Amino acid sequence: MFDFLGQLGSFVMTPLYYLTSFVLLTFHRFFGGIFGPSTGLAWVLSIIGLTLVIRAALIPLFVRQIKSSRNMQLLQPKVKELQKKYGHDRERLAQETMKLYKETGTNPFASCMPLILQMPIFLALFRLIDQSAKHPENPKGLMTTQLAEQFGNATFLGAKISDSFTSTDQTSVKILAAVLVVAMTATTFLTQRQLMSKNMPPDAMTGQYAQQQKMLLYVLPVVFAVGGIAFPIGVLFYWTTSNLWTMGQQFYVIRNNPAPGTPAAKAKQERDAAKRAKKGLPDPATPIETEKTVEPPPRPQQRQQPKKQSRSQRKKQAPKARTDTDSRSGPPGDEDDEGDEPEAGRSTA
């Protein structure tokens, strides 16, 4: 049984030894030409270069992790509704929850995938360093005996990169290892806390998903702190660099593409509003006032001209017009009498 497991492990790890050693030696060829092939600085920079290559290769997976994590956050109100509806039936609740995740394309285990895929690389690097320090005559991957001896004996800041906190009594080794363990633990904690405090809506801060995140927030740093004292200094450089990469990558994604309804989304809206105000652009949330159209004053009504009438029509209307005038002026006799008196007076005179 143990022989079978050993053969299986060798079958899986051998390609990783070649891959890891190829990337590591490629960087060492460059940095060794600058600082010297046997210097600890050249090997430490080569390990950092290996870390950056691995993390760059995992960027697509990291993007999927961010999307899945965002979907998990946004689905929390629906998950709570399912918990209220099927809380009495655990099996039915699990089925409905997984159905919801499947319909929305959400993988609840995606947040662990970058860490899981890095573990084989971590083990390969660990074995390369350990084998180079203890058995340089039997190197792994593309390592030669000479390179394995240089790798196992390389010293950085007074400590061999193959030593660990527990493997030696040298003060310089313990100090450097302790600093790297603390840095690895702190960056692990801050990365997880950054995700919870900035990119999780209030609804996602409670429930099963929030409990899992809180557990990872405190469990992972403890695991790294306890296990880190047994890691070689070269491996500690790998994990610390990887955590710093994760922090920077996560900060960029949260800042520029935050989940809706989160503190990061509110901060982005404030930054965008400040940029628009600085450029003098209107806020899209404020309705834009359109210019009022000035209506011209109303045109005066034209005076209607009387219709043209024939001579016979005018004669017919003339008696009627005189009749109307007489009715307005009073009895016909009064007007005649007033007109006759002056004539009589002038005649008498």
Protein backbone atom coordinates (compact mmCIF):
# COMPACT_ATOMS: atom_id res chain seq x y z
CA MET A 1 0.00 0.00 0.00
CA PHE A 2 2.74 2.46 0.97
CA ASP A 3 4.75 1.50 -2.12
CA PHE A 4 1.74 2.28 -4.29
CA LEU A 5 1.26 5.67 -2.65
CA GLY A 6 4.95 6.41 -3.06
CA GLN A 7 4.85 5.55 -6.75
CA LEU A 8 1.70 7.66 -7.20
CA GLY A 9 3.33 10.61 -5.45
CA SER A 10 6.44 10.28 -7.57
CA PHE A 11 4.33 10.11 -10.74
CA VAL A 12 2.54 13.34 -9.82
CA MET A 13 5.50 15.26 -8.40
CA THR A 14 8.20 14.45 -10.97
CA PRO A 15 6.74 16.75 -13.68
CA LEU A 16 6.42 19.49 -11.06
CA TYR A 17 10.08 19.09 -10.10
CA TYR A 18 11.08 19.71 -13.71
CA LEU A 19 8.67 22.63 -14.11
CA THR A 20 9.68 24.31 -10.86
CA SER A 21 13.40 23.80 -11.39
CA PHE A 22 13.16 25.10 -14.98
CA VAL A 23 11.57 28.40 -13.91
CA LEU A 24 13.86 28.68 -10.89
CA LEU A 25 17.05 28.09 -12.90
CA THR A 26 15.92 30.46 -15.65
CA PHE A 27 15.76 33.31 -13.14
CA HIS A 28 18.97 32.12 -11.46
CA ARG A 29 20.82 32.32 -14.76
CA PHE A 30 19.81 35.99 -14.97
CA PHE A 31 20.32 37.04 -11.34
CA GLY A 32 23.40 34.86 -10.95
CA GLY A 33 25.06 36.79 -13.76
CA ILE A 34 24.46 40.02 -11.79
CA PHE A 35 25.07 39.03 -8.14
CA GLY A 36 27.02 35.79 -8.55
CA PRO A 37 25.66 32.26 -9.04
CA SER A 38 26.44 31.11 -5.48
CA THR A 39 25.06 34.15 -3.63
CA GLY A 40 21.95 33.87 -1.51
CA LEU A 41 20.51 37.04 -3.05
CA ALA A 42 20.54 35.48 -6.53
CA TRP A 43 18.67 32.41 -5.24
CA VAL A 44 16.18 34.44 -3.19
CA LEU A 45 15.37 36.64 -6.19
CA SER A 46 14.99 33.49 -8.27
CA ILE A 47 12.45 32.13 -5.76
CA ILE A 48 10.57 35.44 -5.91
CA GLY A 49 10.61 35.25 -9.72
CA LEU A 50 9.22 31.71 -9.54
CA THR A 51 6.43 32.97 -7.28
CA LEU A 52 5.51 35.77 -9.67
CA VAL A 53 5.37 33.39 -12.63
CA ILE A 54 3.12 30.96 -10.76
CA ARG A 55 0.80 33.73 -9.58
CA ALA A 56 0.63 35.28 -13.05
CA ALA A 57 -0.37 31.89 -14.44
CA LEU A 58 -3.14 31.70 -11.84
CA ILE A 59 -4.69 35.09 -12.77
CA PRO A 60 -7.59 33.53 -14.77
CA LEU A 61 -8.36 31.31 -11.82
CA PHE A 62 -8.17 34.29 -9.50
CA VAL A 63 -10.69 36.17 -11.68
CA ARG A 64 -13.05 33.20 -11.46
CA GLN A 65 -12.52 33.17 -7.71
CA ILE A 66 -13.48 36.84 -7.43
CA LYS A 67 -16.61 36.35 -9.57
CA SER A 68 -17.67 33.29 -7.60
CA SER A 69 -17.05 35.06 -4.31
CA ARG A 70 -19.14 38.03 -5.51
CA ASN A 71 -21.98 35.74 -6.57
CA MET A 72 -21.86 34.06 -3.19
CA GLN A 73 -22.23 37.43 -1.52
CA LEU A 74 -25.10 38.60 -3.73
CA LEU A 75 -26.94 35.29 -3.27
CA GLN A 76 -26.99 35.49 0.50
CA PRO A 77 -30.53 37.02 0.69
CA LYS A 78 -31.87 34.14 -1.43
CA VAL A 79 -29.95 31.61 0.65
CA LYS A 80 -31.55 33.05 3.78
CA GLU A 81 -34.99 32.67 2.20
CA LEU A 82 -34.21 29.02 1.51
CA GLN A 83 -33.06 28.57 5.09
CA LYS A 84 -36.35 29.98 6.37
CA LYS A 85 -38.35 27.81 3.97
CA TYR A 86 -36.46 24.51 4.36
CA GLY A 87 -34.76 25.02 7.71
CA HIS A 88 -36.56 21.97 9.11
CA ASP A 89 -35.28 19.71 6.30
CA ARG A 90 -31.47 19.79 6.08
CA GLU A 91 -31.30 17.51 3.05
CA ARG A 92 -33.84 19.55 1.07
CA LEU A 93 -32.07 22.78 2.08
CA ALA A 94 -28.74 21.46 0.79
CA GLN A 95 -30.35 20.38 -2.50
CA GLU A 96 -32.08 23.71 -3.08
CA THR A 97 -28.95 25.65 -2.17
CA MET A 98 -26.78 23.68 -4.60
CA LYS A 99 -29.48 24.12 -7.25
CA LEU A 100 -29.34 27.89 -6.73
CA TYR A 101 -25.55 27.86 -7.05
CA LYS A 102 -25.76 25.79 -10.23
CA GLU A 103 -28.35 28.09 -11.85
CA THR A 104 -26.21 31.18 -11.18
CA GLY A 105 -22.91 29.52 -12.12
CA THR A 106 -21.48 29.90 -8.62
CA ASN A 107 -18.87 27.56 -7.20
CA PRO A 108 -18.71 27.75 -3.39
CA PHE A 109 -15.26 26.13 -3.43
CA ALA A 110 -13.70 28.52 -5.94
CA SER A 111 -12.24 30.72 -3.19
CA CYS A 112 -9.92 27.85 -2.18
CA MET A 113 -8.77 26.90 -5.68
CA PRO A 114 -5.70 29.22 -5.94
CA LEU A 115 -4.46 27.94 -2.59
CA ILE A 116 -5.10 24.31 -3.52
CA LEU A 117 -3.33 24.61 -6.89
CA GLN A 118 -0.33 26.28 -5.27
CA MET A 119 0.19 23.43 -2.83
CA PRO A 120 1.89 21.10 -5.38
CA ILE A 121 4.27 23.92 -6.39
CA PHE A 122 4.92 24.59 -2.73
CA LEU A 123 5.73 20.91 -2.11
CA ALA A 124 7.95 20.76 -5.20
CA LEU A 125 9.94 23.81 -4.07
CA PHE A 126 10.13 22.43 -0.53
CA ARG A 127 11.55 19.13 -1.83
CA LEU A 128 14.00 20.89 -4.16
CA ILE A 129 15.43 22.93 -1.29
CA ASP A 130 15.46 20.02 1.14
CA GLN A 131 17.07 17.64 -1.35
CA SER A 132 19.67 20.22 -2.37
CA ALA A 133 20.65 20.77 1.27
CA LYS A 134 20.68 17.14 2.40
CA HIS A 135 21.47 15.15 -0.76
CA PRO A 136 23.02 17.39 -3.41
CA GLU A 137 24.50 14.36 -5.12
CA ASN A 138 20.95 13.22 -5.99
CA PRO A 139 19.26 16.40 -7.27
CA LYS A 140 15.71 16.60 -8.54
CA GLY A 141 14.36 18.01 -11.76
CA LEU A 142 16.86 19.97 -13.83
CA MET A 143 19.17 20.60 -10.88
CA THR A 144 22.77 19.50 -11.30
CA THR A 145 25.00 18.50 -8.42
CA GLN A 146 26.83 21.84 -8.60
CA LEU A 147 23.64 23.87 -8.67
CA ALA A 148 22.14 21.79 -5.86
CA GLU A 149 25.18 22.48 -3.67
CA GLN A 150 24.96 26.21 -4.42
CA PHE A 151 21.23 26.19 -3.69
CA GLY A 152 21.58 24.27 -0.42
CA ASN A 153 24.48 26.37 0.87
CA ALA A 154 23.33 29.82 -0.31
CA THR A 155 23.27 32.37 2.52
CA PHE A 156 21.03 35.41 2.78
CA LEU A 157 21.37 37.91 5.65
CA GLY A 158 23.50 35.44 7.59
CA ALA A 159 21.09 32.51 7.21
CA LYS A 160 21.03 29.59 4.79
CA ILE A 161 17.88 29.58 2.69
CA SER A 162 17.62 25.85 3.36
CA ASP A 163 17.46 26.34 7.16
CA SER A 164 14.28 26.75 9.17
CA PHE A 165 13.37 28.15 12.58
CA THR A 166 13.46 24.68 14.16
CA SER A 167 16.43 23.21 12.28
CA THR A 168 19.21 25.32 13.79
CA ASP A 169 20.21 27.24 16.90
CA GLN A 170 21.77 30.15 15.03
CA THR A 171 20.28 33.44 16.13
CA SER A 172 20.44 35.02 12.67
CA VAL A 173 18.48 32.12 11.20
CA LYS A 174 15.82 32.26 13.92
CA ILE A 175 15.41 36.02 13.60
CA LEU A 176 15.04 35.94 9.82
CA ALA A 177 12.72 32.93 9.96
CA ALA A 178 10.59 34.53 12.68
CA VAL A 179 10.27 37.76 10.70
CA LEU A 180 9.19 35.86 7.59
CA VAL A 181 6.71 33.70 9.55
CA VAL A 182 5.14 36.83 11.06
CA ALA A 183 5.02 38.51 7.62
CA MET A 184 3.45 35.41 6.06
CA THR A 185 0.86 35.15 8.85
CA ALA A 186 0.04 38.88 8.83
CA THR A 187 -0.38 39.07 5.05
CA THR A 188 -2.65 36.01 5.12
CA PHE A 189 -4.83 37.62 7.79
CA LEU A 190 -4.93 41.05 6.11
CA THR A 191 -5.80 39.56 2.72
CA GLN A 192 -8.83 37.76 4.11
CA ARG A 193 -9.88 40.73 6.23
CA GLN A 194 -9.60 43.05 3.24
CA LEU A 195 -12.12 40.89 1.39
CA MET A 196 -14.58 40.77 4.29
CA SER A 197 -14.45 44.42 5.32
CA LYS A 198 -14.41 46.05 1.87
CA ASN A 199 -16.13 43.77 -0.61
CA MET A 200 -18.96 42.07 1.29
CA PRO A 201 -22.46 43.61 1.50
CA PRO A 202 -24.21 43.77 4.90
CA ASP A 203 -26.47 40.84 3.99
CA ALA A 204 -23.45 38.62 3.45
CA MET A 205 -21.98 39.33 6.90
CA THR A 206 -24.37 36.85 8.49
CA GLY A 207 -25.22 33.27 7.65
CA GLN A 208 -23.27 30.16 6.74
CA TYR A 209 -21.04 31.82 4.14
CA ALA A 210 -20.04 34.57 6.58
CA GLN A 211 -19.22 31.95 9.20
CA GLN A 212 -16.95 30.16 6.74
CA GLN A 213 -15.16 33.39 5.89
CA LYS A 214 -14.68 34.26 9.55
CA MET A 215 -13.33 30.79 10.22
CA LEU A 216 -10.81 31.13 7.40
CA LEU A 217 -9.90 34.60 8.66
CA TYR A 218 -8.53 33.15 11.92
CA VAL A 219 -7.76 29.52 11.07
CA LEU A 220 -5.48 30.06 8.06
CA PRO A 221 -3.08 32.45 9.83
CA VAL A 222 -2.78 30.02 12.73
CA VAL A 223 -2.06 27.14 10.35
CA PHE A 224 0.63 29.14 8.57
CA ALA A 225 2.13 30.34 11.85
CA VAL A 226 2.38 26.84 13.29
CA GLY A 227 3.61 25.22 10.10
CA GLY A 228 5.83 28.13 9.13
CA ILE A 229 8.41 27.48 11.84
CA ALA A 230 9.29 24.23 10.04
CA PHE A 231 9.44 25.78 6.55
CA PRO A 232 12.86 26.54 5.00
CA ILE A 233 13.57 30.22 4.63
CA GLY A 234 13.36 29.88 0.85
CA VAL A 235 9.80 28.53 1.13
CA LEU A 236 8.89 31.36 3.54
CA PHE A 237 10.02 33.83 0.88
CA TYR A 238 7.76 32.04 -1.60
CA TRP A 239 4.63 32.23 0.58
CA THR A 240 5.24 35.80 1.75
CA THR A 241 5.69 36.98 -1.84
CA SER A 242 2.59 35.05 -2.89
CA ASN A 243 0.53 36.69 -0.11
CA LEU A 244 1.78 40.15 -1.08
CA TRP A 245 0.78 39.44 -4.69
CA THR A 246 -2.67 38.36 -3.53
CA MET A 247 -3.10 41.53 -1.47
CA GLY A 248 -2.15 43.77 -4.37
CA GLN A 249 -4.27 41.87 -6.89
CA GLN A 250 -7.26 41.80 -4.59
CA PHE A 251 -6.89 45.50 -3.76
CA TYR A 252 -6.91 46.37 -7.48
CA VAL A 253 -10.00 44.25 -8.21
CA ILE A 254 -11.95 45.49 -5.18
CA ARG A 255 -11.06 49.12 -5.90
CA ASN A 256 -11.96 49.09 -9.59
CA ASN A 257 -14.69 46.45 -9.76
CA PRO A 258 -16.34 46.15 -6.34
CA ALA A 259 -19.42 44.11 -5.56
CA PRO A 260 -22.67 46.15 -5.52
CA GLY A 261 -23.84 47.39 -2.13
CA THR A 262 -20.43 47.12 -0.45
CA PRO A 263 -18.25 49.78 1.23
CA ALA A 264 -15.83 49.45 -1.71
CA ALA A 265 -18.66 50.23 -4.16
CA LYS A 266 -19.62 53.33 -2.16
CA ALA A 267 -16.01 54.50 -2.06
CA LYS A 268 -15.72 54.04 -5.84
CA GLN A 269 -18.88 56.11 -6.41
CA GLU A 270 -17.42 58.90 -4.27
CA ARG A 271 -14.13 58.81 -6.21
CA ASP A 272 -15.95 58.88 -9.54
CA ALA A 273 -18.11 61.80 -8.38
CA ALA A 274 -15.00 63.72 -7.27
CA LYS A 275 -13.34 63.12 -10.65
CA ARG A 276 -16.43 64.33 -12.53
CA ALA A 277 -16.67 67.40 -10.33
CA LYS A 278 -13.00 68.17 -10.93
CA LYS A 279 -13.54 67.96 -14.70
CA GLY A 280 -16.77 69.96 -14.49
CA LEU A 281 -18.92 67.09 -15.71
CA PRO A 282 -22.48 66.64 -14.40
CA ASP A 283 -23.35 63.86 -12.02
CA PRO A 284 -25.25 61.13 -13.93
CA ALA A 285 -27.53 60.69 -10.92
CA THR A 286 -28.70 64.31 -11.27
CA PRO A 287 -31.19 65.01 -14.09
CA ILE A 288 -29.80 67.39 -16.68
CA GLU A 289 -31.86 70.57 -17.13
CA THR A 290 -32.71 71.23 -20.75
CA GLU A 291 -32.87 74.76 -22.15
CA LYS A 292 -36.35 76.20 -22.12
CA THR A 293 -37.68 77.09 -25.54
CA VAL A 294 -38.75 80.75 -25.75
CA GLU A 295 -42.09 80.90 -27.47
CA PRO A 296 -42.70 83.95 -29.74
CA PRO A 297 -45.43 86.43 -28.66
CA PRO A 298 -48.87 85.74 -30.11
CA ARG A 299 -49.57 87.50 -33.38
CA PRO A 300 -52.39 90.14 -33.28
CA GLN A 301 -55.61 89.10 -34.91
CA GLN A 302 -56.10 90.60 -38.34
CA ARG A 303 -59.10 92.90 -38.85
CA GLN A 304 -61.62 91.22 -41.04
CA GLN A 305 -62.53 93.22 -44.13
CA PRO A 306 -66.25 93.50 -45.00
CA LYS A 307 -67.39 91.36 -47.83
CA LYS A 308 -67.94 93.04 -51.17
CA GLN A 309 -71.62 93.57 -51.94
CA SER A 310 -73.45 94.45 -55.07
CA ARG A 311 -75.40 97.67 -55.51
CA SER A 312 -78.76 96.00 -55.07
CA GLN A 313 -77.62 94.39 -51.81
CA ARG A 314 -76.50 97.78 -50.45
CA LYS A 315 -79.87 99.32 -51.29
CA LYS A 316 -81.70 96.55 -49.49
CA GLN A 317 -79.56 97.03 -46.38
CA ALA A 318 -79.78 100.85 -46.41
CA PRO A 319 -83.45 101.14 -45.19
CA LYS A 320 -82.71 98.60 -42.49
CA ALA A 321 -79.65 100.54 -41.35
CA ARG A 322 -81.67 103.79 -41.22
CA THR A 323 -84.37 102.08 -39.26
CA ASP A 324 -81.83 100.87 -36.73
CA THR A 325 -80.38 104.38 -36.47
CA ASP A 326 -83.78 105.97 -35.90
CA SER A 327 -84.68 103.49 -33.20
CA ARG A 328 -81.47 104.33 -31.37
CA SER A 329 -81.93 108.14 -31.74
CA GLY A 330 -85.56 108.45 -30.53
CA PRO A 331 -88.90 109.38 -32.21
CA PRO A 332 -88.59 110.78 -35.68
CA GLY A 333 -90.60 113.89 -34.86
CA ASP A 334 -88.21 115.16 -32.24
CA GLU A 335 -85.29 115.22 -34.62
CA ASP A 336 -87.36 117.08 -37.27
CA ASP A 337 -88.69 119.65 -34.81
CA GLU A 338 -85.22 120.43 -33.52
CA GLY A 339 -84.06 120.95 -37.03
CA ASP A 340 -87.01 123.14 -38.11
CA GLU A 341 -86.89 125.77 -35.33
CA PRO A 342 -83.72 127.52 -36.44
CA GLU A 343 -85.03 127.71 -39.98
CA ALA A 344 -88.29 129.37 -38.78
CA GLY A 345 -86.36 131.83 -36.66
CA ARG A 346 -84.09 132.85 -39.50
CA SER A 347 -87.11 133.25 -41.78
CA THR A 348 -88.91 135.54 -39.31
CA ALA A 349 -85.98 137.71 -38.91
